N, C-alpha and C. Protein backbone atom coordinates (compact mmCIF):
# COMPACT_ATOMS: atom_id res chain seq x y z
N MET A 1 14.18 4.38 43.59
CA MET A 1 13.38 3.20 43.40
C MET A 1 13.36 3.02 41.76
N ALA A 2 13.99 1.79 41.36
CA ALA A 2 14.44 1.94 39.42
C ALA A 2 12.77 1.57 39.22
N THR A 3 12.64 2.08 37.93
CA THR A 3 11.35 1.63 37.23
C THR A 3 11.69 0.65 36.20
N LYS A 4 10.50 -0.16 36.27
CA LYS A 4 10.98 -1.31 35.28
C LYS A 4 10.57 -0.88 33.74
N ALA A 5 11.45 -1.36 33.19
CA ALA A 5 11.17 -1.06 31.48
C ALA A 5 10.19 -1.59 30.96
N LYS A 6 9.38 -1.00 30.28
CA LYS A 6 8.64 -1.46 29.32
C LYS A 6 8.95 -2.55 28.30
N SER A 7 8.43 -3.91 28.64
CA SER A 7 8.67 -4.98 27.77
C SER A 7 8.33 -4.70 26.64
N ALA A 8 8.91 -5.21 25.54
CA ALA A 8 8.55 -5.15 24.20
C ALA A 8 7.70 -6.28 23.93
N PRO A 9 6.93 -6.31 22.93
CA PRO A 9 5.91 -7.18 22.45
C PRO A 9 6.66 -8.43 21.93
N VAL A 10 6.05 -9.41 21.93
CA VAL A 10 6.96 -10.77 21.24
C VAL A 10 6.71 -10.56 19.74
N GLN A 11 7.99 -10.79 19.37
CA GLN A 11 8.53 -10.62 17.99
C GLN A 11 7.42 -11.09 16.91
N ASN A 12 7.36 -10.55 15.77
CA ASN A 12 6.38 -11.28 14.93
C ASN A 12 6.70 -12.88 14.29
N ALA A 13 8.04 -12.76 14.49
CA ALA A 13 8.56 -14.30 13.88
C ALA A 13 7.99 -15.31 14.33
N ARG A 14 6.93 -15.19 15.57
CA ARG A 14 6.07 -16.02 16.10
C ARG A 14 4.67 -16.47 15.98
N LEU A 15 4.25 -15.39 14.85
CA LEU A 15 3.23 -15.58 13.93
C LEU A 15 3.54 -16.17 13.00
N PRO A 16 2.52 -16.97 12.24
CA PRO A 16 3.09 -17.70 11.19
C PRO A 16 2.89 -17.02 9.82
N ALA A 17 4.19 -17.34 9.12
CA ALA A 17 4.21 -16.51 7.95
C ALA A 17 3.26 -16.51 6.77
N LYS A 18 2.92 -15.78 6.08
CA LYS A 18 1.84 -15.68 4.88
C LYS A 18 2.94 -15.64 3.54
N ARG A 19 2.21 -16.16 2.67
CA ARG A 19 2.62 -16.04 1.29
C ARG A 19 2.01 -14.70 0.65
N VAL A 20 2.98 -14.36 -0.12
CA VAL A 20 2.25 -12.87 -0.76
C VAL A 20 1.15 -13.28 -1.68
N SER A 21 0.87 -14.49 -2.10
CA SER A 21 -0.36 -14.75 -2.95
C SER A 21 -1.47 -14.82 -1.77
N GLU A 22 -1.49 -14.91 -0.95
CA GLU A 22 -2.78 -15.06 -0.06
C GLU A 22 -3.64 -13.72 0.10
N SER A 23 -2.63 -12.67 -0.13
CA SER A 23 -3.40 -11.57 0.45
C SER A 23 -3.55 -10.66 -0.88
N ARG A 24 -2.61 -11.12 -2.20
CA ARG A 24 -2.82 -10.29 -3.48
C ARG A 24 -4.40 -9.80 -3.75
N SER A 25 -4.87 -8.91 -4.27
CA SER A 25 -6.07 -8.43 -4.44
C SER A 25 -6.20 -7.65 -5.81
N GLU A 26 -7.47 -7.64 -6.20
CA GLU A 26 -7.75 -7.13 -7.66
C GLU A 26 -9.02 -6.48 -7.45
N MET A 27 -9.07 -4.97 -7.91
CA MET A 27 -10.12 -4.05 -7.64
C MET A 27 -10.81 -3.99 -9.26
N VAL A 28 -11.90 -3.93 -9.64
CA VAL A 28 -12.24 -3.23 -11.11
C VAL A 28 -13.54 -2.36 -10.87
N GLU A 29 -13.46 -1.40 -11.66
CA GLU A 29 -14.55 -0.09 -11.65
C GLU A 29 -14.48 0.58 -13.11
N VAL A 30 -15.77 0.94 -13.30
CA VAL A 30 -15.71 1.57 -14.64
C VAL A 30 -15.80 2.98 -14.30
N VAL A 31 -15.19 3.98 -15.18
CA VAL A 31 -15.12 5.17 -14.77
C VAL A 31 -16.12 5.87 -15.29
N LEU A 32 -16.96 6.61 -14.60
CA LEU A 32 -18.21 7.49 -14.91
C LEU A 32 -17.92 8.64 -14.81
N PRO A 33 -18.72 9.72 -15.65
CA PRO A 33 -18.67 11.30 -15.79
C PRO A 33 -18.49 11.91 -14.13
N ASN A 34 -19.06 11.15 -13.18
CA ASN A 34 -18.85 11.99 -11.94
C ASN A 34 -17.33 11.68 -11.35
N ASP A 35 -16.45 11.05 -12.07
CA ASP A 35 -15.10 10.50 -11.47
C ASP A 35 -14.11 11.55 -12.12
N ALA A 36 -14.57 12.29 -13.34
CA ALA A 36 -13.70 12.74 -14.15
C ALA A 36 -13.62 14.21 -14.01
N ASN A 37 -12.51 15.09 -14.58
CA ASN A 37 -12.20 16.30 -14.69
C ASN A 37 -13.12 16.69 -16.40
N PRO A 38 -13.29 18.12 -16.32
CA PRO A 38 -14.00 18.72 -17.59
C PRO A 38 -13.18 18.29 -19.08
N LEU A 39 -12.26 17.44 -18.82
CA LEU A 39 -11.43 17.03 -20.05
C LEU A 39 -11.80 15.49 -20.30
N GLY A 40 -12.84 14.68 -19.22
CA GLY A 40 -13.09 13.47 -19.40
C GLY A 40 -11.95 12.64 -18.96
N ALA A 41 -11.05 12.82 -18.24
CA ALA A 41 -9.94 12.07 -17.80
C ALA A 41 -10.42 11.91 -15.90
N MET A 42 -10.05 10.77 -15.75
CA MET A 42 -10.50 10.31 -14.39
C MET A 42 -9.52 11.59 -13.45
N LEU A 43 -10.27 11.76 -12.28
CA LEU A 43 -9.75 12.59 -11.26
C LEU A 43 -8.75 12.03 -10.77
N GLY A 44 -7.47 12.72 -10.23
CA GLY A 44 -6.29 12.11 -9.68
C GLY A 44 -6.42 11.38 -8.26
N GLY A 45 -7.14 12.51 -7.66
CA GLY A 45 -7.78 12.19 -6.19
C GLY A 45 -8.88 11.19 -6.08
N ARG A 46 -9.53 10.75 -7.34
CA ARG A 46 -10.31 9.84 -7.04
C ARG A 46 -9.63 8.42 -7.37
N LEU A 47 -8.60 8.43 -8.35
CA LEU A 47 -7.85 7.20 -8.63
C LEU A 47 -6.79 6.85 -7.30
N MET A 48 -6.48 8.01 -6.72
CA MET A 48 -5.77 7.82 -5.52
C MET A 48 -6.49 7.21 -4.08
N HIS A 49 -8.12 7.69 -4.41
CA HIS A 49 -8.69 7.20 -3.23
C HIS A 49 -8.93 5.42 -3.45
N LEU A 50 -9.09 5.13 -4.74
CA LEU A 50 -9.04 3.68 -5.26
C LEU A 50 -7.93 2.89 -4.87
N MET A 51 -6.73 3.33 -5.08
CA MET A 51 -5.55 2.63 -4.57
C MET A 51 -5.66 2.65 -3.49
N ASP A 52 -5.42 3.64 -2.52
CA ASP A 52 -5.92 3.26 -1.07
C ASP A 52 -6.51 2.22 -0.64
N ILE A 53 -7.85 2.05 -0.95
CA ILE A 53 -8.69 1.11 -0.91
C ILE A 53 -8.08 -0.23 -1.36
N ALA A 54 -7.66 -0.31 -2.50
CA ALA A 54 -7.18 -1.69 -3.05
C ALA A 54 -5.92 -1.72 -2.42
N GLY A 55 -5.15 -1.10 -1.74
CA GLY A 55 -3.82 -1.37 -0.93
C GLY A 55 -4.44 -1.91 0.36
N ALA A 56 -5.37 -1.34 0.88
CA ALA A 56 -5.79 -1.79 2.00
C ALA A 56 -6.12 -3.04 2.30
N ILE A 57 -6.78 -3.53 1.18
CA ILE A 57 -7.63 -4.71 1.43
C ILE A 57 -6.66 -5.84 1.30
N ALA A 58 -5.60 -5.67 0.61
CA ALA A 58 -4.54 -6.55 0.60
C ALA A 58 -3.67 -6.55 1.72
N ALA A 59 -3.43 -5.32 2.58
CA ALA A 59 -3.10 -5.29 4.02
C ALA A 59 -4.18 -6.09 4.96
N HIS A 60 -5.37 -5.74 4.80
CA HIS A 60 -6.29 -6.54 5.61
C HIS A 60 -6.04 -7.77 5.69
N ARG A 61 -5.79 -8.40 4.31
CA ARG A 61 -5.74 -9.73 4.06
C ARG A 61 -4.74 -10.32 4.79
N HIS A 62 -3.63 -9.80 4.66
CA HIS A 62 -2.17 -10.19 5.33
C HIS A 62 -2.62 -10.22 6.70
N CYS A 63 -2.77 -9.21 7.31
CA CYS A 63 -2.73 -9.03 8.83
C CYS A 63 -3.83 -9.68 9.47
N ASN A 64 -4.96 -9.74 8.74
CA ASN A 64 -6.65 -10.11 9.32
C ASN A 64 -6.62 -9.16 10.36
N SER A 65 -6.73 -8.22 10.47
CA SER A 65 -6.86 -6.88 11.11
C SER A 65 -7.05 -5.68 10.45
N TYR A 66 -7.44 -4.60 11.64
CA TYR A 66 -7.40 -3.49 11.02
C TYR A 66 -6.40 -2.62 10.49
N VAL A 67 -6.63 -2.19 9.39
CA VAL A 67 -5.04 -1.27 9.04
C VAL A 67 -5.56 0.05 9.16
N VAL A 68 -4.66 1.17 9.10
CA VAL A 68 -4.53 2.71 8.77
C VAL A 68 -3.52 3.09 7.89
N THR A 69 -3.86 3.78 6.95
CA THR A 69 -2.57 4.35 6.01
C THR A 69 -1.75 5.23 6.80
N ALA A 70 -0.30 4.86 6.72
CA ALA A 70 0.66 5.67 7.19
C ALA A 70 1.30 6.69 6.10
N SER A 71 1.43 6.09 4.82
CA SER A 71 1.87 7.08 3.93
C SER A 71 1.77 6.65 2.50
N VAL A 72 1.84 7.49 1.83
CA VAL A 72 1.73 7.15 0.23
C VAL A 72 3.27 7.65 -0.52
N ASP A 73 3.93 6.56 -0.71
CA ASP A 73 5.24 6.97 -0.99
C ASP A 73 5.55 7.62 -2.41
N TYR A 74 4.70 7.15 -3.58
CA TYR A 74 5.10 7.20 -4.60
C TYR A 74 3.83 7.01 -5.64
N VAL A 75 3.61 8.08 -6.46
CA VAL A 75 2.14 8.12 -6.99
C VAL A 75 2.60 8.18 -8.35
N ASP A 76 2.35 7.59 -9.25
CA ASP A 76 3.00 7.57 -10.73
C ASP A 76 1.71 7.69 -11.84
N PHE A 77 1.18 8.94 -12.38
CA PHE A 77 0.15 8.90 -13.39
C PHE A 77 0.87 8.79 -14.71
N ARG A 78 0.83 7.67 -15.53
CA ARG A 78 1.78 7.31 -16.60
C ARG A 78 0.77 7.99 -17.87
N SER A 79 -0.38 7.70 -17.62
CA SER A 79 -1.29 8.22 -18.73
C SER A 79 -2.84 8.41 -18.05
N PRO A 80 -3.77 8.96 -18.84
CA PRO A 80 -4.75 9.37 -18.28
C PRO A 80 -6.05 8.08 -18.45
N VAL A 81 -6.69 7.96 -17.57
CA VAL A 81 -7.77 6.86 -17.45
C VAL A 81 -9.14 7.73 -18.15
N ARG A 82 -9.87 7.60 -19.19
CA ARG A 82 -10.98 8.26 -19.69
C ARG A 82 -12.30 7.63 -19.16
N VAL A 83 -13.52 8.57 -19.18
CA VAL A 83 -14.56 7.89 -18.88
C VAL A 83 -14.98 6.78 -19.74
N GLY A 84 -15.57 6.00 -19.11
CA GLY A 84 -15.97 4.80 -19.84
C GLY A 84 -15.10 3.49 -19.94
N GLU A 85 -13.69 4.01 -19.48
CA GLU A 85 -12.89 2.83 -19.52
C GLU A 85 -13.20 1.98 -18.02
N VAL A 86 -12.42 0.83 -18.02
CA VAL A 86 -12.58 -0.14 -16.74
C VAL A 86 -11.12 0.35 -16.16
N VAL A 87 -11.12 0.54 -15.13
CA VAL A 87 -9.90 0.65 -14.20
C VAL A 87 -9.78 -0.60 -13.46
N ILE A 88 -8.47 -1.27 -13.35
CA ILE A 88 -8.33 -2.43 -12.61
C ILE A 88 -6.91 -1.99 -11.53
N LEU A 89 -7.00 -2.08 -10.68
CA LEU A 89 -6.24 -1.88 -9.47
C LEU A 89 -5.67 -3.20 -8.85
N ARG A 90 -4.42 -3.58 -8.96
CA ARG A 90 -3.88 -4.92 -8.50
C ARG A 90 -3.15 -4.43 -7.33
N SER A 91 -3.06 -5.28 -6.38
CA SER A 91 -2.21 -4.91 -4.89
C SER A 91 -2.06 -6.21 -4.47
N SER A 92 -0.68 -5.93 -3.93
CA SER A 92 0.02 -7.08 -3.18
C SER A 92 0.99 -6.41 -2.00
N VAL A 93 1.42 -7.34 -1.15
CA VAL A 93 1.78 -6.72 -0.08
C VAL A 93 3.45 -7.02 -0.62
N ASN A 94 4.31 -6.12 -0.32
CA ASN A 94 5.84 -6.32 -1.13
C ASN A 94 6.67 -6.47 0.41
N ARG A 95 6.21 -6.08 1.70
CA ARG A 95 7.27 -6.41 2.76
C ARG A 95 6.69 -5.90 4.31
N VAL A 96 7.15 -6.64 5.15
CA VAL A 96 6.21 -6.26 6.35
C VAL A 96 7.52 -6.18 7.49
N TRP A 97 7.18 -5.25 8.39
CA TRP A 97 7.94 -5.13 9.25
C TRP A 97 7.28 -5.49 10.67
N ARG A 98 7.71 -4.70 11.79
CA ARG A 98 6.99 -5.28 13.01
C ARG A 98 5.52 -4.88 13.14
N THR A 99 5.03 -3.76 12.81
CA THR A 99 3.57 -3.41 12.98
C THR A 99 3.16 -2.66 11.50
N SER A 100 4.34 -2.55 10.57
CA SER A 100 3.90 -2.10 9.47
C SER A 100 4.14 -2.89 8.12
N LEU A 101 3.41 -2.55 7.21
CA LEU A 101 3.83 -3.46 5.98
C LEU A 101 3.92 -2.51 4.52
N GLU A 102 4.08 -2.71 3.67
CA GLU A 102 4.24 -1.80 2.02
C GLU A 102 3.49 -2.77 1.63
N VAL A 103 2.60 -2.06 0.51
CA VAL A 103 1.99 -2.80 -0.22
C VAL A 103 1.96 -2.13 -1.64
N GLY A 104 2.29 -2.65 -2.69
CA GLY A 104 2.40 -2.00 -4.09
C GLY A 104 1.02 -1.92 -4.86
N VAL A 105 0.82 -0.90 -5.22
CA VAL A 105 -0.47 -1.17 -6.05
C VAL A 105 -0.40 -0.58 -7.63
N LYS A 106 -0.76 -1.37 -8.39
CA LYS A 106 -0.60 -1.23 -9.87
C LYS A 106 -1.86 -1.06 -10.41
N VAL A 107 -2.09 0.16 -11.60
CA VAL A 107 -3.55 0.53 -12.21
C VAL A 107 -3.33 0.37 -13.61
N PHE A 108 -4.10 -0.48 -14.31
CA PHE A 108 -4.05 -0.52 -15.79
C PHE A 108 -5.66 0.10 -16.07
N CYS A 109 -5.69 0.35 -17.22
CA CYS A 109 -7.19 0.49 -17.47
C CYS A 109 -7.35 -0.34 -19.07
N GLU A 110 -8.51 -0.59 -19.01
CA GLU A 110 -8.97 -1.47 -20.27
C GLU A 110 -9.89 -0.67 -21.05
N ASN A 111 -9.79 -0.82 -22.04
CA ASN A 111 -11.08 -0.02 -23.22
C ASN A 111 -11.60 -1.41 -23.68
N TYR A 112 -12.88 -1.79 -23.03
CA TYR A 112 -13.40 -2.81 -23.36
C TYR A 112 -13.98 -3.00 -24.37
N LEU A 113 -14.03 -2.34 -25.32
CA LEU A 113 -14.63 -2.48 -26.79
C LEU A 113 -13.27 -3.11 -27.53
N THR A 114 -12.27 -2.45 -27.40
CA THR A 114 -10.87 -2.99 -27.79
C THR A 114 -10.20 -4.24 -27.31
N ARG A 115 -10.34 -4.16 -25.70
CA ARG A 115 -9.50 -5.02 -24.90
C ARG A 115 -8.39 -4.63 -24.60
N GLU A 116 -8.15 -3.77 -25.32
CA GLU A 116 -6.66 -2.79 -24.86
C GLU A 116 -6.51 -2.53 -23.62
N LEU A 117 -5.22 -3.13 -22.92
CA LEU A 117 -5.04 -2.91 -21.31
C LEU A 117 -3.76 -2.18 -21.49
N ARG A 118 -3.62 -0.80 -20.89
CA ARG A 118 -2.59 -0.13 -20.33
C ARG A 118 -2.41 0.30 -19.17
N HIS A 119 -1.00 0.28 -18.74
CA HIS A 119 -0.44 0.45 -17.22
C HIS A 119 -0.58 1.88 -17.30
N THR A 120 -1.14 2.47 -16.01
CA THR A 120 -1.79 3.88 -16.12
C THR A 120 -1.08 4.40 -14.93
N SER A 121 -0.95 3.22 -14.00
CA SER A 121 -0.47 4.32 -12.64
C SER A 121 0.04 3.18 -11.59
N SER A 122 0.90 3.65 -10.71
CA SER A 122 1.51 2.99 -9.76
C SER A 122 1.61 3.61 -8.25
N ALA A 123 1.77 2.91 -7.17
CA ALA A 123 1.73 3.54 -5.90
C ALA A 123 2.13 2.70 -4.91
N TYR A 124 2.93 3.15 -3.78
CA TYR A 124 3.46 2.37 -2.60
C TYR A 124 2.87 2.75 -1.48
N LEU A 125 2.01 2.14 -0.80
CA LEU A 125 1.55 2.65 0.30
C LEU A 125 1.94 1.68 1.47
N THR A 126 2.06 2.59 2.46
CA THR A 126 2.44 1.62 3.88
C THR A 126 1.29 2.07 4.89
N PHE A 127 0.99 0.71 5.39
CA PHE A 127 -0.12 0.77 6.41
C PHE A 127 0.49 0.42 7.49
N VAL A 128 -0.30 0.34 8.98
CA VAL A 128 -0.06 0.11 10.15
C VAL A 128 -1.26 -0.96 10.64
N ALA A 129 -0.71 -1.89 11.02
CA ALA A 129 -2.00 -2.80 11.28
C ALA A 129 -2.41 -2.51 12.99
N VAL A 130 -3.46 -2.32 13.00
CA VAL A 130 -4.16 -1.67 14.61
C VAL A 130 -4.92 -2.58 15.15
N ASP A 131 -5.32 -2.66 16.59
CA ASP A 131 -6.58 -3.42 17.17
C ASP A 131 -7.32 -2.51 17.10
N GLU A 132 -8.55 -2.77 17.98
CA GLU A 132 -9.77 -2.13 18.12
C GLU A 132 -9.82 -0.52 18.71
N GLN A 133 -8.74 -0.40 19.57
CA GLN A 133 -8.44 0.79 20.21
C GLN A 133 -7.59 1.45 19.48
N ARG A 134 -7.28 1.05 18.28
CA ARG A 134 -6.00 1.67 17.36
C ARG A 134 -4.61 2.07 18.02
N ARG A 135 -4.35 0.76 18.59
CA ARG A 135 -3.05 0.52 18.59
C ARG A 135 -2.55 -0.26 18.02
N PRO A 136 -0.96 0.00 17.59
CA PRO A 136 -0.57 -0.84 16.54
C PRO A 136 -0.13 -2.23 17.12
N ILE A 137 -0.23 -3.47 16.26
CA ILE A 137 -0.23 -4.78 16.45
C ILE A 137 0.86 -5.43 15.54
N LEU A 138 1.14 -6.34 16.10
CA LEU A 138 2.29 -7.05 15.25
C LEU A 138 1.73 -7.73 13.83
N VAL A 139 2.52 -7.32 12.71
CA VAL A 139 2.24 -8.12 11.24
C VAL A 139 2.77 -9.54 11.22
N PRO A 140 2.16 -10.46 10.91
CA PRO A 140 2.62 -11.85 10.43
C PRO A 140 3.76 -11.59 9.25
N PRO A 141 4.83 -12.42 9.44
CA PRO A 141 5.82 -12.13 8.73
C PRO A 141 5.56 -12.34 7.18
N LEU A 142 6.00 -12.06 6.25
CA LEU A 142 5.90 -12.37 4.66
C LEU A 142 6.76 -13.47 4.05
N LYS A 143 6.22 -14.16 3.53
CA LYS A 143 6.93 -15.33 2.69
C LYS A 143 6.96 -15.05 1.31
N PRO A 144 8.15 -14.30 0.61
CA PRO A 144 8.17 -14.05 -0.80
C PRO A 144 7.93 -15.62 -1.49
N GLU A 145 7.29 -15.67 -2.71
CA GLU A 145 7.21 -16.89 -3.33
C GLU A 145 7.85 -16.86 -4.56
N THR A 146 7.74 -15.75 -5.52
CA THR A 146 8.29 -15.62 -6.72
C THR A 146 9.67 -14.67 -6.73
N ALA A 147 10.55 -14.78 -7.94
CA ALA A 147 11.75 -13.91 -8.28
C ALA A 147 11.14 -12.34 -8.04
N ALA A 148 10.08 -12.04 -8.68
CA ALA A 148 9.49 -10.94 -8.56
C ALA A 148 9.05 -10.32 -6.96
N ASP A 149 8.37 -11.42 -6.47
CA ASP A 149 7.96 -11.14 -5.02
C ASP A 149 9.49 -10.68 -4.23
N ARG A 150 10.39 -11.58 -4.38
CA ARG A 150 11.96 -11.15 -3.82
C ARG A 150 12.48 -10.09 -4.07
N ARG A 151 12.12 -9.59 -5.55
CA ARG A 151 12.74 -8.42 -6.18
C ARG A 151 12.03 -7.21 -5.11
N ARG A 152 10.52 -7.26 -4.96
CA ARG A 152 9.80 -6.33 -4.56
C ARG A 152 10.06 -6.19 -2.92
N PHE A 153 10.43 -7.38 -2.44
CA PHE A 153 10.81 -7.52 -1.09
C PHE A 153 12.01 -6.61 -0.95
N ARG A 154 12.97 -6.91 -1.49
CA ARG A 154 14.39 -5.99 -1.20
C ARG A 154 14.17 -4.34 -1.54
N GLU A 155 13.23 -4.29 -2.81
CA GLU A 155 13.08 -2.81 -3.12
C GLU A 155 12.60 -2.11 -2.04
N ALA A 156 11.59 -2.56 -1.53
CA ALA A 156 10.60 -2.09 -0.18
C ALA A 156 11.78 -1.79 1.01
N ALA A 157 12.74 -2.45 1.15
CA ALA A 157 13.48 -2.06 2.15
C ALA A 157 14.24 -0.61 2.09
N ILE A 158 14.72 -0.54 0.37
CA ILE A 158 15.18 0.82 0.16
C ILE A 158 14.17 1.82 0.36
N ARG A 159 13.24 1.23 -0.17
CA ARG A 159 11.87 2.95 -0.17
C ARG A 159 12.10 3.01 1.48
N ARG A 160 11.83 2.27 2.06
CA ARG A 160 11.50 2.31 3.87
C ARG A 160 12.94 3.34 4.30
N LYS A 161 13.94 2.87 4.21
CA LYS A 161 14.91 3.53 4.60
C LYS A 161 15.14 4.90 3.95
N PHE A 162 14.76 5.17 2.72
CA PHE A 162 14.40 6.65 2.35
C PHE A 162 13.16 7.40 2.91
N ARG A 163 12.42 6.79 3.24
CA ARG A 163 10.99 7.10 3.73
C ARG A 163 11.46 7.58 5.20
N LEU A 164 12.09 6.83 6.28
CA LEU A 164 12.41 7.11 7.61
C LEU A 164 13.29 8.57 7.41
N ALA A 165 14.23 8.40 6.61
CA ALA A 165 15.21 9.39 6.52
C ALA A 165 14.33 10.75 5.90
N GLN A 166 13.59 10.72 5.09
CA GLN A 166 12.63 12.06 5.03
C GLN A 166 12.01 12.40 6.18
N ARG A 167 11.33 11.36 6.92
CA ARG A 167 10.68 11.58 8.15
C ARG A 167 11.42 12.41 9.20
N HIS A 168 12.61 11.89 9.32
CA HIS A 168 13.45 12.00 10.05
C HIS A 168 14.12 13.93 9.87
N ARG A 169 14.16 14.01 8.47
CA ARG A 169 14.54 15.45 8.16
C ARG A 169 13.31 16.39 8.28
N ARG A 170 12.17 15.87 8.44
CA ARG A 170 10.91 17.00 8.52
C ARG A 170 10.80 17.10 9.95
N ILE A 171 10.91 16.10 10.88
CA ILE A 171 10.84 16.30 12.40
C ILE A 171 11.99 17.32 12.69
N SER A 172 13.23 17.00 12.37
CA SER A 172 14.23 17.79 12.91
C SER A 172 13.93 19.27 12.38
N ARG A 173 13.55 19.61 11.05
CA ARG A 173 13.30 20.74 10.93
C ARG A 173 12.39 21.90 11.49
N THR A 174 11.27 20.84 11.94
CA THR A 174 10.30 21.57 12.90
C THR A 174 10.37 21.54 14.04
N ARG A 175 11.47 21.31 14.83
CA ARG A 175 11.65 21.34 16.13
C ARG A 175 12.37 22.67 16.40
N PRO A 176 11.67 23.56 17.85
CA PRO A 176 12.41 24.56 17.89
C PRO A 176 13.54 24.69 18.39
N LYS A 177 14.44 25.48 18.22
CA LYS A 177 15.80 25.83 18.18
C LYS A 177 16.14 26.06 19.82
């Protein structure tokens, strides 16, 4: 008796495309002593936590669903964020695939006395859209609007290729021979 192949879900091309600007997000926090190390700089783990939240907000807005963090590809700590400074996290969807999407998060800090703004960190996070039972669901297509959106869209495909190759290498090393 032949078994029937599992049917693939409807392609996300049937979902209405969303513009990058529809999900772009910004979070603002003040850095307090509890967020810092003994040198007065914000803890890297605390900043990564905020980056995950900022990225998830953009992903939620794009998908109109729950999302879970699948990976963080690249975190760059360019300069410390000091106690008393304001940290600004800007996130936007770079590219979507069937059930996942990449979100870029760029972090700035502002000295609110001098209004000096400096880029302190960046990261690329991948999220998977899920339903209430935590099963992956289709993600609406993305419509890049600007030249920068189109550049990030192209670059996200390169990062994804690298991410998947890295995952394949890790899996093949851990399999028993």
